[in-house]
Amino acid sequence: MQAPLLLAQMILAIALIASILLQQRGTGLGGAFGGEVTAYRSRRGIERTLFRMTVLLSVLFVAFSLLNLLPQN
């Protein structure tokens, strides 16, 4: 049962990396040096879906990581 969990965790890791990289770039370090004016705005459409998918993938990744820590009989 250990092998399927590890495979699922690797797939989740790749999907999580992809979802993080696909998100719209924030201010980053440019905001620290006055590069961009930031204002509150809500996420809409695909941006909201991608954000929720990133949160879901991260929760699943942590859950699978904890499952991998359980002793296997």
PDB file of N, CA and C in Angstrom:
ATOM      1  N   MET A   1       0.821  -1.195   0.000  1.00  0.00           N
ATOM      2  CA  MET A   1       0.000   0.000   0.000  1.00  0.00           C
ATOM      3  C   MET A   1       0.866   1.259   0.000  1.00  0.00           C
ATOM      4  N   GLN A   2       2.120   1.131   0.319  1.00  0.00           N
ATOM      5  CA  GLN A   2       3.024   2.280   0.373  1.00  0.00           C
ATOM      6  C   GLN A   2       3.280   2.850  -1.029  1.00  0.00           C
ATOM      7  N   ALA A   3       3.453   1.995  -2.029  1.00  0.00           N
ATOM      8  CA  ALA A   3       3.773   2.453  -3.382  1.00  0.00           C
ATOM      9  C   ALA A   3       2.663   3.317  -3.989  1.00  0.00           C
ATOM     10  N   PRO A   4       1.391   2.922  -3.904  1.00  0.00           N
ATOM     11  CA  PRO A   4       0.343   3.790  -4.462  1.00  0.00           C
ATOM     12  C   PRO A   4       0.262   5.151  -3.761  1.00  0.00           C
ATOM     13  N   LEU A   5       0.499   5.173  -2.457  1.00  0.00           N
ATOM     14  CA  LEU A   5       0.482   6.456  -1.743  1.00  0.00           C
ATOM     15  C   LEU A   5       1.624   7.360  -2.199  1.00  0.00           C
ATOM     16  N   LEU A   6       2.788   6.764  -2.394  1.00  0.00           N
ATOM     17  CA  LEU A   6       3.925   7.562  -2.861  1.00  0.00           C
ATOM     18  C   LEU A   6       3.696   8.089  -4.271  1.00  0.00           C
ATOM     19  N   LEU A   7       3.130   7.254  -5.126  1.00  0.00           N
ATOM     20  CA  LEU A   7       2.831   7.693  -6.490  1.00  0.00           C
ATOM     21  C   LEU A   7       1.801   8.818  -6.476  1.00  0.00           C
ATOM     22  N   ALA A   8       0.761   8.670  -5.672  1.00  0.00           N
ATOM     23  CA  ALA A   8      -0.260   9.720  -5.572  1.00  0.00           C
ATOM     24  C   ALA A   8       0.329  11.013  -5.018  1.00  0.00           C
ATOM     25  N   GLN A   9       1.242  10.891  -4.069  1.00  0.00           N
ATOM     26  CA  GLN A   9       1.872  12.077  -3.505  1.00  0.00           C
ATOM     27  C   GLN A   9       2.750  12.783  -4.539  1.00  0.00           C
ATOM     28  N   MET A  10       3.445  12.019  -5.364  1.00  0.00           N
ATOM     29  CA  MET A  10       4.256  12.638  -6.417  1.00  0.00           C
ATOM     30  C   MET A  10       3.391  13.344  -7.452  1.00  0.00           C
ATOM     31  N   ILE A  11       2.271  12.735  -7.811  1.00  0.00           N
ATOM     32  CA  ILE A  11       1.352  13.370  -8.763  1.00  0.00           C
ATOM     33  C   ILE A  11       0.771  14.646  -8.164  1.00  0.00           C
ATOM     34  N   LEU A  12       0.401  14.593  -6.889  1.00  0.00           N
ATOM     35  CA  LEU A  12      -0.109  15.793  -6.213  1.00  0.00           C
ATOM     36  C   LEU A  12       0.950  16.888  -6.154  1.00  0.00           C
ATOM     37  N   ALA A  13       2.194  16.517  -5.918  1.00  0.00           N
ATOM     38  CA  ALA A  13       3.268  17.509  -5.853  1.00  0.00           C
ATOM     39  C   ALA A  13       3.442  18.214  -7.194  1.00  0.00           C
ATOM     40  N   ILE A  14       3.404  17.452  -8.279  1.00  0.00           N
ATOM     41  CA  ILE A  14       3.541  18.053  -9.609  1.00  0.00           C
ATOM     42  C   ILE A  14       2.351  18.949  -9.920  1.00  0.00           C
ATOM     43  N   ALA A  15       1.146  18.497  -9.587  1.00  0.00           N
ATOM     44  CA  ALA A  15      -0.049  19.310  -9.822  1.00  0.00           C
ATOM     45  C   ALA A  15      -0.034  20.576  -8.973  1.00  0.00           C
ATOM     46  N   LEU A  16       0.449  20.472  -7.740  1.00  0.00           N
ATOM     47  CA  LEU A  16       0.525  21.640  -6.860  1.00  0.00           C
ATOM     48  C   LEU A  16       1.534  22.653  -7.387  1.00  0.00           C
ATOM     49  N   ILE A  17       2.670  22.186  -7.841  1.00  0.00           N
ATOM     50  CA  ILE A  17       3.673  23.085  -8.425  1.00  0.00           C
ATOM     51  C   ILE A  17       3.100  23.791  -9.646  1.00  0.00           C
ATOM     52  N   ALA A  18       2.413  23.046 -10.506  1.00  0.00           N
ATOM     53  CA  ALA A  18       1.820  23.643 -11.704  1.00  0.00           C
ATOM     54  C   ALA A  18       0.764  24.680 -11.352  1.00  0.00           C
ATOM     55  N   SER A  19      -0.084  24.386 -10.376  1.00  0.00           N
ATOM     56  CA  SER A  19      -1.139  25.344 -10.022  1.00  0.00           C
ATOM     57  C   SER A  19      -0.567  26.611  -9.393  1.00  0.00           C
ATOM     58  N   ILE A  20       0.522  26.470  -8.649  1.00  0.00           N
ATOM     59  CA  ILE A  20       1.161  27.665  -8.073  1.00  0.00           C
ATOM     60  C   ILE A  20       1.794  28.510  -9.173  1.00  0.00           C
ATOM     61  N   LEU A  21       2.450  27.863 -10.109  1.00  0.00           N
ATOM     62  CA  LEU A  21       3.109  28.606 -11.182  1.00  0.00           C
ATOM     63  C   LEU A  21       2.120  29.253 -12.151  1.00  0.00           C
ATOM     64  N   LEU A  22       0.924  28.695 -12.278  1.00  0.00           N
ATOM     65  CA  LEU A  22      -0.071  29.255 -13.187  1.00  0.00           C
ATOM     66  C   LEU A  22      -0.800  30.467 -12.616  1.00  0.00           C
ATOM     67  N   GLN A  23      -0.699  30.678 -11.322  1.00  0.00           N
ATOM     68  CA  GLN A  23      -1.406  31.815 -10.729  1.00  0.00           C
ATOM     69  C   GLN A  23      -0.783  33.126 -11.200  1.00  0.00           C
ATOM     70  N   GLN A  24      -1.622  34.142 -11.228  1.00  0.00           N
ATOM     71  CA  GLN A  24      -1.181  35.454 -11.671  1.00  0.00           C
ATOM     72  C   GLN A  24      -0.111  35.973 -10.735  1.00  0.00           C
ATOM     73  N   ARG A  25       0.894  36.574 -11.286  1.00  0.00           N
ATOM     74  CA  ARG A  25       2.007  37.083 -10.481  1.00  0.00           C
ATOM     75  C   ARG A  25       1.532  38.224  -9.586  1.00  0.00           C
ATOM     76  N   GLY A  26       1.989  38.185  -8.344  1.00  0.00           N
ATOM     77  CA  GLY A  26       1.688  39.264  -7.409  1.00  0.00           C
ATOM     78  C   GLY A  26       2.734  40.354  -7.520  1.00  0.00           C
ATOM     79  N   THR A  27       2.845  41.156  -6.495  1.00  0.00           N
ATOM     80  CA  THR A  27       3.803  42.245  -6.536  1.00  0.00           C
ATOM     81  C   THR A  27       5.219  41.765  -6.289  1.00  0.00           C
ATOM     82  N   GLY A  28       5.376  40.695  -5.510  1.00  0.00           N
ATOM     83  CA  GLY A  28       6.719  40.187  -5.237  1.00  0.00           C
ATOM     84  C   GLY A  28       7.579  41.234  -4.563  1.00  0.00           C
ATOM     85  N   LEU A  29       8.843  41.276  -4.909  1.00  0.00           N
ATOM     86  CA  LEU A  29       9.749  42.267  -4.338  1.00  0.00           C
ATOM     87  C   LEU A  29       9.542  43.650  -4.932  1.00  0.00           C
ATOM     88  N   GLY A  30       8.864  43.728  -6.085  1.00  0.00           N
ATOM     89  CA  GLY A  30       8.605  45.032  -6.695  1.00  0.00           C
ATOM     90  C   GLY A  30       7.780  45.928  -5.791  1.00  0.00           C
ATOM     91  N   GLY A  31       6.874  45.344  -5.019  1.00  0.00           N
ATOM     92  CA  GLY A  31       6.055  46.126  -4.108  1.00  0.00           C
ATOM     93  C   GLY A  31       6.858  46.727  -2.970  1.00  0.00           C
ATOM     94  N   ALA A  32       7.941  46.069  -2.592  1.00  0.00           N
ATOM     95  CA  ALA A  32       8.777  46.586  -1.507  1.00  0.00           C
ATOM     96  C   ALA A  32       9.520  47.842  -1.938  1.00  0.00           C
ATOM     97  N   PHE A  33       9.765  47.983  -3.218  1.00  0.00           N
ATOM     98  CA  PHE A  33      10.504  49.144  -3.719  1.00  0.00           C
ATOM     99  C   PHE A  33       9.613  50.132  -4.460  1.00  0.00           C
ATOM    100  N   GLY A  34       8.305  50.005  -4.280  1.00  0.00           N
ATOM    101  CA  GLY A  34       7.375  50.945  -4.903  1.00  0.00           C
ATOM    102  C   GLY A  34       7.138  50.666  -6.371  1.00  0.00           C
ATOM    103  N   GLY A  35       7.304  49.438  -6.806  1.00  0.00           N
ATOM    104  CA  GLY A  35       7.160  49.104  -8.214  1.00  0.00           C
ATOM    105  C   GLY A  35       5.726  49.055  -8.694  1.00  0.00           C
ATOM    106  N   GLU A  36       4.803  48.791  -7.807  1.00  0.00           N
ATOM    107  CA  GLU A  36       3.417  48.640  -8.232  1.00  0.00           C
ATOM    108  C   GLU A  36       2.490  49.073  -7.110  1.00  0.00           C
ATOM    109  N   VAL A  37       1.409  49.749  -7.487  1.00  0.00           N
ATOM    110  CA  VAL A  37       0.403  50.148  -6.510  1.00  0.00           C
ATOM    111  C   VAL A  37      -0.529  48.965  -6.303  1.00  0.00           C
ATOM    112  N   THR A  38      -0.722  48.598  -5.047  1.00  0.00           N
ATOM    113  CA  THR A  38      -1.603  47.469  -4.777  1.00  0.00           C
ATOM    114  C   THR A  38      -2.931  47.972  -4.254  1.00  0.00           C
ATOM    115  N   ALA A  39      -3.987  47.369  -4.718  1.00  0.00           N
ATOM    116  CA  ALA A  39      -5.331  47.683  -4.244  1.00  0.00           C
ATOM    117  C   ALA A  39      -6.064  46.362  -4.076  1.00  0.00           C
ATOM    118  N   TYR A  40      -7.007  46.366  -3.168  1.00  0.00           N
ATOM    119  CA  TYR A  40      -7.771  45.142  -2.945  1.00  0.00           C
ATOM    120  C   TYR A  40      -8.632  44.855  -4.159  1.00  0.00           C
ATOM    121  N   ARG A  41      -8.583  43.621  -4.599  1.00  0.00           N
ATOM    122  CA  ARG A  41      -9.485  43.210  -5.665  1.00  0.00           C
ATOM    123  C   ARG A  41      -9.842  41.752  -5.429  1.00  0.00           C
ATOM    124  N   SER A  42     -11.021  41.391  -5.815  1.00  0.00           N
ATOM    125  CA  SER A  42     -11.465  40.016  -5.588  1.00  0.00           C
ATOM    126  C   SER A  42     -11.056  39.131  -6.761  1.00  0.00           C
ATOM    127  N   ARG A  43     -10.927  37.858  -6.463  1.00  0.00           N
ATOM    128  CA  ARG A  43     -10.608  36.891  -7.506  1.00  0.00           C
ATOM    129  C   ARG A  43     -11.888  36.539  -8.243  1.00  0.00           C
ATOM    130  N   ARG A  44     -11.795  36.410  -9.554  1.00  0.00           N
ATOM    131  CA  ARG A  44     -12.974  36.092 -10.342  1.00  0.00           C
ATOM    132  C   ARG A  44     -12.650  35.018 -11.372  1.00  0.00           C
ATOM    133  N   GLY A  45     -13.639  34.249 -11.707  1.00  0.00           N
ATOM    134  CA  GLY A  45     -13.539  33.283 -12.785  1.00  0.00           C
ATOM    135  C   GLY A  45     -12.463  32.239 -12.576  1.00  0.00           C
ATOM    136  N   ILE A  46     -11.597  32.123 -13.576  1.00  0.00           N
ATOM    137  CA  ILE A  46     -10.578  31.089 -13.562  1.00  0.00           C
ATOM    138  C   ILE A  46      -9.551  31.340 -12.456  1.00  0.00           C
ATOM    139  N   GLU A  47      -9.332  32.591 -12.114  1.00  0.00           N
ATOM    140  CA  GLU A  47      -8.383  32.917 -11.041  1.00  0.00           C
ATOM    141  C   GLU A  47      -8.874  32.362  -9.707  1.00  0.00           C
ATOM    142  N   ARG A  48     -10.164  32.485  -9.443  1.00  0.00           N
ATOM    143  CA  ARG A  48     -10.740  31.953  -8.204  1.00  0.00           C
ATOM    144  C   ARG A  48     -10.678  30.426  -8.202  1.00  0.00           C
ATOM    145  N   THR A  49     -11.008  29.822  -9.327  1.00  0.00           N
ATOM    146  CA  THR A  49     -10.964  28.364  -9.438  1.00  0.00           C
ATOM    147  C   THR A  49      -9.546  27.843  -9.230  1.00  0.00           C
ATOM    148  N   LEU A  50      -8.575  28.510  -9.822  1.00  0.00           N
ATOM    149  CA  LEU A  50      -7.183  28.100  -9.675  1.00  0.00           C
ATOM    150  C   LEU A  50      -6.713  28.260  -8.234  1.00  0.00           C
ATOM    151  N   PHE A  51      -7.144  29.314  -7.564  1.00  0.00           N
ATOM    152  CA  PHE A  51      -6.787  29.520  -6.160  1.00  0.00           C
ATOM    153  C   PHE A  51      -7.374  28.417  -5.288  1.00  0.00           C
ATOM    154  N   ARG A  52      -8.636  28.105  -5.499  1.00  0.00           N
ATOM    155  CA  ARG A  52      -9.286  27.049  -4.712  1.00  0.00           C
ATOM    156  C   ARG A  52      -8.656  25.691  -4.994  1.00  0.00           C
ATOM    157  N   MET A  53      -8.286  25.445  -6.256  1.00  0.00           N
ATOM    158  CA  MET A  53      -7.643  24.189  -6.598  1.00  0.00           C
ATOM    159  C   MET A  53      -6.276  24.081  -5.920  1.00  0.00           C
ATOM    160  N   THR A  54      -5.558  25.195  -5.830  1.00  0.00           N
ATOM    161  CA  THR A  54      -4.260  25.196  -5.156  1.00  0.00           C
ATOM    162  C   THR A  54      -4.419  24.871  -3.671  1.00  0.00           C
ATOM    163  N   VAL A  55      -5.419  25.460  -3.046  1.00  0.00           N
ATOM    164  CA  VAL A  55      -5.677  25.174  -1.626  1.00  0.00           C
ATOM    165  C   VAL A  55      -6.042  23.704  -1.443  1.00  0.00           C
ATOM    166  N   LEU A  56      -6.921  23.189  -2.292  1.00  0.00           N
ATOM    167  CA  LEU A  56      -7.327  21.790  -2.201  1.00  0.00           C
ATOM    168  C   LEU A  56      -6.136  20.849  -2.415  1.00  0.00           C
ATOM    169  N   LEU A  57      -5.310  21.141  -3.415  1.00  0.00           N
ATOM    170  CA  LEU A  57      -4.145  20.297  -3.674  1.00  0.00           C
ATOM    171  C   LEU A  57      -3.162  20.319  -2.513  1.00  0.00           C
ATOM    172  N   SER A  58      -2.999  21.478  -1.886  1.00  0.00           N
ATOM    173  CA  SER A  58      -2.070  21.549  -0.761  1.00  0.00           C
ATOM    174  C   SER A  58      -2.600  20.769   0.445  1.00  0.00           C
ATOM    175  N   VAL A  59      -3.912  20.817   0.685  1.00  0.00           N
ATOM    176  CA  VAL A  59      -4.494  20.044   1.782  1.00  0.00           C
ATOM    177  C   VAL A  59      -4.350  18.547   1.500  1.00  0.00           C
ATOM    178  N   LEU A  60      -4.618  18.140   0.271  1.00  0.00           N
ATOM    179  CA  LEU A  60      -4.460  16.735  -0.089  1.00  0.00           C
ATOM    180  C   LEU A  60      -3.009  16.280   0.022  1.00  0.00           C
ATOM    181  N   PHE A  61      -2.083  17.141  -0.363  1.00  0.00           N
ATOM    182  CA  PHE A  61      -0.670  16.793  -0.274  1.00  0.00           C
ATOM    183  C   PHE A  61      -0.250  16.564   1.179  1.00  0.00           C
ATOM    184  N   VAL A  62      -0.704  17.428   2.070  1.00  0.00           N
ATOM    185  CA  VAL A  62      -0.389  17.264   3.496  1.00  0.00           C
ATOM    186  C   VAL A  62      -1.033  15.991   4.034  1.00  0.00           C
ATOM    187  N   ALA A  63      -2.277  15.720   3.640  1.00  0.00           N
ATOM    188  CA  ALA A  63      -2.962  14.510   4.101  1.00  0.00           C
ATOM    189  C   ALA A  63      -2.235  13.250   3.634  1.00  0.00           C
ATOM    190  N   PHE A  64      -1.810  13.231   2.372  1.00  0.00           N
ATOM    191  CA  PHE A  64      -1.089  12.074   1.868  1.00  0.00           C
ATOM    192  C   PHE A  64       0.279  11.945   2.535  1.00  0.00           C
ATOM    193  N   SER A  65       0.892  13.069   2.860  1.00  0.00           N
ATOM    194  CA  SER A  65       2.178  13.019   3.565  1.00  0.00           C
ATOM    195  C   SER A  65       2.004  12.401   4.950  1.00  0.00           C
ATOM    196  N   LEU A  66       0.933  12.768   5.639  1.00  0.00           N
ATOM    197  CA  LEU A  66       0.668  12.197   6.952  1.00  0.00           C
ATOM    198  C   LEU A  66       0.298  10.721   6.853  1.00  0.00           C
ATOM    199  N   LEU A  67      -0.422  10.345   5.808  1.00  0.00           N
ATOM    200  CA  LEU A  67      -0.746   8.941   5.612  1.00  0.00           C
ATOM    201  C   LEU A  67       0.506   8.101   5.366  1.00  0.00           C
ATOM    202  N   ASN A  68       1.477   8.689   4.697  1.00  0.00           N
ATOM    203  CA  ASN A  68       2.730   7.971   4.440  1.00  0.00           C
ATOM    204  C   ASN A  68       3.541   7.771   5.715  1.00  0.00           C
ATOM    205  N   LEU A  69       3.272   8.547   6.740  1.00  0.00           N
ATOM    206  CA  LEU A  69       3.994   8.396   8.003  1.00  0.00           C
ATOM    207  C   LEU A  69       3.461   7.257   8.857  1.00  0.00           C
ATOM    208  N   LEU A  70       2.227   6.840   8.585  1.00  0.00           N
ATOM    209  CA  LEU A  70       1.635   5.753   9.372  1.00  0.00           C
ATOM    210  C   LEU A  70       2.416   4.461   9.154  1.00  0.00           C
ATOM    211  N   PRO A  71       2.566   3.682  10.211  1.00  0.00           N
ATOM    212  CA  PRO A  71       3.286   2.400  10.060  1.00  0.00           C
ATOM    213  C   PRO A  71       2.496   1.439   9.189  1.00  0.00           C
ATOM    214  N   GLN A  72       3.203   0.782   8.295  1.00  0.00           N
ATOM    215  CA  GLN A  72       2.591  -0.184   7.390  1.00  0.00           C
ATOM    216  C   GLN A  72       2.732  -1.580   7.957  1.00  0.00           C
ATOM    217  N   ASN A  73       1.664  -2.322   7.963  1.00  0.00           N
ATOM    218  CA  ASN A  73       1.695  -3.711   8.463  1.00  0.00           C
ATOM    219  C   ASN A  73       1.745  -4.696   7.324  1.00  0.00           C
TER     220      ASN A  73
END
